[in-house]
Amino acid sequence: HGQVSDHFNLKPLIIRVNRTSEYLILLLSKGGTHLYQATNQIVSEITNEDFPKPETPFVTTSNVEASNAKLLDDLAKEYLNRVDKAVQKVVSETNLACVVIATEKNYSELIQVADNDKLYIGFDNINYNDTSHQTIGLQGWDIMKDYQKKSRLQAVTEMEAAAGPAAPAGW
């Protein structure tokens, strides 16, 4: 059979799934990029050789180059590609998911250049008038709550499918 027991205790698993998860918040802006560790609020800023990133160095001061839309697009993608590689490094060390606060365009371009877009679990629009830790923390937490809810529903569905049909009453 290979079956150990007809019953198993789900309580520790449920407690673990319902615990507030740690995650990362990437504040993505061509004017500077920051990475934060968060629970339901920002706990700390990740500071290493990659973060915080200053404004993109991939800009041009030449009027001829500035009129070249493809060149500007390529420079932006190069910056986002480097941001993605830096996030991947932190994710590989921490095993944390990442929420992105950015413009829709920057988020879309980040996903396009990302080696593994699955580590980015969602995004919210950046409000350039308020990039305080409190506001960014709340934005990130809203995304994480939705992600956790979806993950829990998926886990329950998978457990029900693995358990097979319910035993008849009285068993």
Foldseek 3Di string as FASTA:
>chain_A
DPDDDLDDDCVVVVVVLPAQDKAKEWEDDLQWIWIFIAGLFGDGTDDDPPPGGHHQPLDDPDPVCVVVVVSVVVSLLVVLLSVLVVVVVVCVVVVHAYEYEAAPVSLVSSCVNHPDNVSHQYYDYHDVVDPDRGVSSNRVNVSVVVVSVVVVVVVVVVVDVVSPDDDDPPD
